[in-house]
Amino acid sequence: MDLLTIFLQAAGGQSPYSGIIMIVAMVAIFYFFMIRPQQKKQKDIQKAREALQTGDKVIISGGIYGKIKEIGDIYMIIEVADGVKIKVDKTSVFASSEDSK
């Protein structure tokens, strides 16, 4: 007997809807334990980005510390050293709680 035959015999006594119920339960578990928390985290990050203002200290996703000098629609100009400014996409900027010197 192969594994498929054993499985089909074991599943023969169950109702035809039990498979669908199990799939729906698995989707619900994935949603509540994986998808929903990730969406909440993304919303929190977006709110923090929208609250950033000129003069705030930030970290760019590449690990560069700086201070916001200008905010555009899709970009920010960050001063990383005296007189050194870089233009970066807003999605790569995170608020910094550390002192960047």
N, C-alpha and C. Protein backbone atom coordinates (compact mmCIF):
# COMPACT_ATOMS: atom_id res chain seq x y z
N MET A 1 0.84 -1.19 0.00
CA MET A 1 0.00 0.00 0.00
C MET A 1 0.88 1.25 0.00
N ASP A 2 0.52 2.13 -0.85
CA ASP A 2 1.28 3.37 -0.87
C ASP A 2 0.61 4.41 0.04
N LEU A 3 1.29 5.51 0.24
CA LEU A 3 0.85 6.54 1.17
C LEU A 3 -0.47 7.18 0.73
N LEU A 4 -0.66 7.37 -0.58
CA LEU A 4 -1.88 7.98 -1.08
C LEU A 4 -3.10 7.12 -0.77
N THR A 5 -2.98 5.81 -0.93
CA THR A 5 -4.09 4.90 -0.64
C THR A 5 -4.46 4.95 0.83
N ILE A 6 -3.47 4.96 1.69
CA ILE A 6 -3.72 5.03 3.14
C ILE A 6 -4.43 6.33 3.49
N PHE A 7 -3.99 7.43 2.89
CA PHE A 7 -4.60 8.73 3.15
C PHE A 7 -6.05 8.76 2.70
N LEU A 8 -6.32 8.24 1.50
CA LEU A 8 -7.68 8.24 0.98
C LEU A 8 -8.62 7.38 1.83
N GLN A 9 -8.11 6.28 2.33
CA GLN A 9 -8.93 5.43 3.19
C GLN A 9 -9.23 6.12 4.51
N ALA A 10 -8.25 6.82 5.06
CA ALA A 10 -8.45 7.51 6.33
C ALA A 10 -9.41 8.69 6.16
N ALA A 11 -9.36 9.33 5.01
CA ALA A 11 -10.22 10.49 4.78
C ALA A 11 -11.62 10.08 4.35
N GLY A 12 -11.84 8.85 4.05
CA GLY A 12 -13.13 8.39 3.55
C GLY A 12 -14.25 8.55 4.55
N GLY A 13 -14.00 8.48 5.83
CA GLY A 13 -15.04 8.57 6.84
C GLY A 13 -15.40 9.98 7.23
N GLN A 14 -14.70 10.99 6.73
CA GLN A 14 -14.96 12.38 7.11
C GLN A 14 -16.01 13.00 6.20
N SER A 15 -16.62 14.07 6.68
CA SER A 15 -17.60 14.77 5.86
C SER A 15 -16.89 15.51 4.72
N PRO A 16 -17.58 15.75 3.63
CA PRO A 16 -16.93 16.40 2.49
C PRO A 16 -16.54 17.86 2.77
N TYR A 17 -17.12 18.46 3.79
CA TYR A 17 -16.81 19.86 4.09
C TYR A 17 -15.65 20.03 5.07
N SER A 18 -15.15 18.98 5.64
CA SER A 18 -14.08 19.11 6.63
C SER A 18 -12.80 19.65 6.01
N GLY A 19 -12.52 19.30 4.77
CA GLY A 19 -11.33 19.84 4.09
C GLY A 19 -11.43 21.33 3.87
N ILE A 20 -12.61 21.77 3.48
CA ILE A 20 -12.82 23.21 3.25
C ILE A 20 -12.72 23.96 4.57
N ILE A 21 -13.28 23.39 5.62
CA ILE A 21 -13.23 24.04 6.94
C ILE A 21 -11.78 24.17 7.41
N MET A 22 -10.98 23.15 7.17
CA MET A 22 -9.56 23.20 7.57
C MET A 22 -8.81 24.28 6.79
N ILE A 23 -9.08 24.41 5.50
CA ILE A 23 -8.42 25.43 4.69
C ILE A 23 -8.81 26.83 5.17
N VAL A 24 -10.09 27.03 5.45
CA VAL A 24 -10.56 28.33 5.95
C VAL A 24 -9.91 28.64 7.30
N ALA A 25 -9.80 27.64 8.16
CA ALA A 25 -9.16 27.84 9.46
C ALA A 25 -7.69 28.21 9.30
N MET A 26 -7.00 27.56 8.36
CA MET A 26 -5.58 27.87 8.13
C MET A 26 -5.40 29.29 7.61
N VAL A 27 -6.28 29.72 6.69
CA VAL A 27 -6.21 31.08 6.16
C VAL A 27 -6.46 32.09 7.28
N ALA A 28 -7.42 31.81 8.15
CA ALA A 28 -7.71 32.71 9.27
C ALA A 28 -6.51 32.80 10.22
N ILE A 29 -5.88 31.68 10.48
CA ILE A 29 -4.70 31.68 11.36
C ILE A 29 -3.57 32.50 10.74
N PHE A 30 -3.31 32.31 9.45
CA PHE A 30 -2.26 33.09 8.79
C PHE A 30 -2.59 34.58 8.83
N TYR A 31 -3.85 34.92 8.62
CA TYR A 31 -4.24 36.32 8.62
C TYR A 31 -4.00 36.96 9.99
N PHE A 32 -4.48 36.33 11.05
CA PHE A 32 -4.39 36.94 12.37
C PHE A 32 -3.01 36.89 12.99
N PHE A 33 -2.18 35.94 12.59
CA PHE A 33 -0.85 35.84 13.19
C PHE A 33 0.27 36.37 12.32
N MET A 34 0.03 36.58 11.02
CA MET A 34 1.11 37.04 10.15
C MET A 34 0.76 38.31 9.37
N ILE A 35 -0.35 38.31 8.68
CA ILE A 35 -0.67 39.42 7.79
C ILE A 35 -1.12 40.66 8.55
N ARG A 36 -2.04 40.50 9.48
CA ARG A 36 -2.58 41.64 10.23
C ARG A 36 -1.52 42.38 11.05
N PRO A 37 -0.66 41.68 11.80
CA PRO A 37 0.38 42.42 12.54
C PRO A 37 1.35 43.17 11.63
N GLN A 38 1.64 42.60 10.46
CA GLN A 38 2.55 43.27 9.52
C GLN A 38 1.90 44.54 8.97
N GLN A 39 0.62 44.49 8.67
CA GLN A 39 -0.08 45.68 8.20
C GLN A 39 -0.11 46.77 9.26
N LYS A 40 -0.31 46.39 10.52
CA LYS A 40 -0.31 47.35 11.61
C LYS A 40 1.06 48.01 11.76
N LYS A 41 2.10 47.19 11.65
CA LYS A 41 3.47 47.72 11.75
C LYS A 41 3.75 48.70 10.62
N GLN A 42 3.32 48.39 9.40
CA GLN A 42 3.52 49.28 8.27
C GLN A 42 2.78 50.61 8.47
N LYS A 43 1.56 50.56 9.02
CA LYS A 43 0.82 51.79 9.29
C LYS A 43 1.53 52.65 10.33
N ASP A 44 2.09 52.02 11.36
CA ASP A 44 2.83 52.75 12.39
C ASP A 44 4.06 53.43 11.81
N ILE A 45 4.78 52.73 10.95
CA ILE A 45 5.97 53.31 10.31
C ILE A 45 5.56 54.49 9.43
N GLN A 46 4.46 54.34 8.68
CA GLN A 46 3.98 55.42 7.82
C GLN A 46 3.59 56.65 8.63
N LYS A 47 2.91 56.45 9.76
CA LYS A 47 2.54 57.57 10.63
C LYS A 47 3.79 58.28 11.15
N ALA A 48 4.80 57.51 11.53
CA ALA A 48 6.04 58.11 12.04
C ALA A 48 6.73 58.93 10.95
N ARG A 49 6.72 58.44 9.71
CA ARG A 49 7.33 59.19 8.60
C ARG A 49 6.57 60.49 8.34
N GLU A 50 5.25 60.43 8.41
CA GLU A 50 4.45 61.64 8.16
C GLU A 50 4.66 62.68 9.26
N ALA A 51 5.03 62.25 10.45
CA ALA A 51 5.23 63.17 11.57
C ALA A 51 6.62 63.82 11.55
N LEU A 52 7.52 63.35 10.70
CA LEU A 52 8.87 63.92 10.65
C LEU A 52 8.82 65.36 10.14
N GLN A 53 9.67 66.20 10.72
CA GLN A 53 9.74 67.61 10.34
C GLN A 53 11.18 68.00 10.11
N THR A 54 11.36 69.15 9.49
CA THR A 54 12.70 69.68 9.26
C THR A 54 13.42 69.84 10.60
N GLY A 55 14.66 69.38 10.65
CA GLY A 55 15.46 69.47 11.86
C GLY A 55 15.49 68.18 12.67
N ASP A 56 14.60 67.23 12.38
CA ASP A 56 14.58 65.95 13.10
C ASP A 56 15.77 65.09 12.70
N LYS A 57 16.28 64.34 13.66
CA LYS A 57 17.38 63.41 13.39
C LYS A 57 16.79 62.10 12.89
N VAL A 58 17.39 61.56 11.83
CA VAL A 58 16.86 60.35 11.20
C VAL A 58 17.99 59.38 10.87
N ILE A 59 17.58 58.17 10.53
CA ILE A 59 18.49 57.15 10.01
C ILE A 59 17.96 56.72 8.65
N ILE A 60 18.82 56.68 7.67
CA ILE A 60 18.44 56.20 6.34
C ILE A 60 18.62 54.69 6.35
N SER A 61 17.83 53.97 5.54
CA SER A 61 17.85 52.50 5.55
C SER A 61 19.25 51.93 5.31
N GLY A 62 20.15 52.68 4.73
CA GLY A 62 21.52 52.21 4.52
C GLY A 62 22.38 52.36 5.76
N GLY A 63 21.84 52.92 6.84
CA GLY A 63 22.58 53.07 8.09
C GLY A 63 23.22 54.42 8.27
N ILE A 64 22.89 55.38 7.43
CA ILE A 64 23.47 56.72 7.51
C ILE A 64 22.62 57.59 8.43
N TYR A 65 23.27 58.24 9.39
CA TYR A 65 22.59 59.16 10.31
C TYR A 65 22.65 60.56 9.73
N GLY A 66 21.58 61.34 9.97
CA GLY A 66 21.59 62.71 9.50
C GLY A 66 20.45 63.50 10.09
N LYS A 67 20.30 64.72 9.58
CA LYS A 67 19.25 65.63 10.05
C LYS A 67 18.49 66.12 8.82
N ILE A 68 17.17 66.16 8.92
CA ILE A 68 16.33 66.58 7.80
C ILE A 68 16.51 68.07 7.55
N LYS A 69 16.80 68.42 6.29
CA LYS A 69 16.92 69.82 5.91
C LYS A 69 15.74 70.29 5.06
N GLU A 70 15.16 69.36 4.27
CA GLU A 70 14.03 69.72 3.41
C GLU A 70 13.18 68.48 3.17
N ILE A 71 11.87 68.68 3.09
CA ILE A 71 10.94 67.57 2.83
C ILE A 71 10.14 67.89 1.58
N GLY A 72 10.21 66.99 0.61
CA GLY A 72 9.42 67.13 -0.62
C GLY A 72 8.27 66.14 -0.63
N ASP A 73 7.65 65.99 -1.80
CA ASP A 73 6.53 65.05 -1.91
C ASP A 73 6.97 63.61 -1.76
N ILE A 74 8.04 63.22 -2.45
CA ILE A 74 8.50 61.82 -2.39
C ILE A 74 9.96 61.71 -1.94
N TYR A 75 10.56 62.80 -1.56
CA TYR A 75 11.96 62.77 -1.17
C TYR A 75 12.21 63.62 0.06
N MET A 76 13.38 63.43 0.65
CA MET A 76 13.87 64.28 1.74
C MET A 76 15.33 64.61 1.46
N ILE A 77 15.73 65.79 1.82
CA ILE A 77 17.14 66.15 1.75
C ILE A 77 17.68 66.07 3.17
N ILE A 78 18.69 65.22 3.33
CA ILE A 78 19.27 64.95 4.64
C ILE A 78 20.70 65.49 4.68
N GLU A 79 21.02 66.20 5.76
CA GLU A 79 22.40 66.66 5.96
C GLU A 79 23.11 65.63 6.82
N VAL A 80 24.15 64.99 6.25
CA VAL A 80 24.86 63.93 6.95
C VAL A 80 26.14 64.43 7.61
N ALA A 81 26.63 65.57 7.17
CA ALA A 81 27.80 66.22 7.78
C ALA A 81 27.67 67.71 7.46
N ASP A 82 28.54 68.53 8.02
CA ASP A 82 28.48 69.97 7.75
C ASP A 82 28.63 70.23 6.26
N GLY A 83 27.57 70.75 5.64
CA GLY A 83 27.60 71.08 4.22
C GLY A 83 27.41 69.91 3.28
N VAL A 84 27.23 68.70 3.79
CA VAL A 84 27.04 67.52 2.94
C VAL A 84 25.58 67.09 3.01
N LYS A 85 24.87 67.26 1.90
CA LYS A 85 23.45 66.94 1.86
C LYS A 85 23.21 65.87 0.81
N ILE A 86 22.29 64.95 1.12
CA ILE A 86 21.91 63.92 0.16
C ILE A 86 20.39 63.91 0.02
N LYS A 87 19.95 63.58 -1.19
CA LYS A 87 18.52 63.49 -1.47
C LYS A 87 18.14 62.01 -1.47
N VAL A 88 17.17 61.63 -0.63
CA VAL A 88 16.76 60.23 -0.51
C VAL A 88 15.24 60.11 -0.61
N ASP A 89 14.79 58.93 -0.96
CA ASP A 89 13.37 58.64 -1.02
C ASP A 89 12.80 58.60 0.39
N LYS A 90 11.58 59.08 0.58
CA LYS A 90 10.96 59.11 1.91
C LYS A 90 10.84 57.73 2.54
N THR A 91 10.62 56.71 1.71
CA THR A 91 10.40 55.38 2.25
C THR A 91 11.67 54.77 2.86
N SER A 92 12.83 55.37 2.62
CA SER A 92 14.06 54.83 3.18
C SER A 92 14.50 55.57 4.44
N VAL A 93 13.64 56.43 4.99
CA VAL A 93 14.00 57.25 6.16
C VAL A 93 13.21 56.77 7.37
N PHE A 94 13.93 56.63 8.51
CA PHE A 94 13.32 56.22 9.77
C PHE A 94 13.72 57.22 10.85
N ALA A 95 12.82 57.48 11.78
CA ALA A 95 13.10 58.40 12.88
C ALA A 95 14.20 57.82 13.76
N SER A 96 15.06 58.68 14.28
CA SER A 96 16.17 58.24 15.14
C SER A 96 15.94 58.75 16.55
N SER A 97 16.15 57.87 17.52
CA SER A 97 16.06 58.30 18.90
C SER A 97 17.44 58.55 19.49
N GLU A 98 18.47 58.19 18.73
CA GLU A 98 19.84 58.37 19.20
C GLU A 98 20.37 59.73 18.80
N ASP A 99 21.42 60.15 19.47
CA ASP A 99 22.10 61.38 19.16
C ASP A 99 23.07 61.11 18.01
N SER A 100 22.85 61.69 16.85
CA SER A 100 23.77 61.49 15.72
C SER A 100 24.73 62.66 15.65
N LYS A 101 26.01 62.37 15.86
CA LYS A 101 27.03 63.44 15.86
C LYS A 101 27.90 63.32 14.65
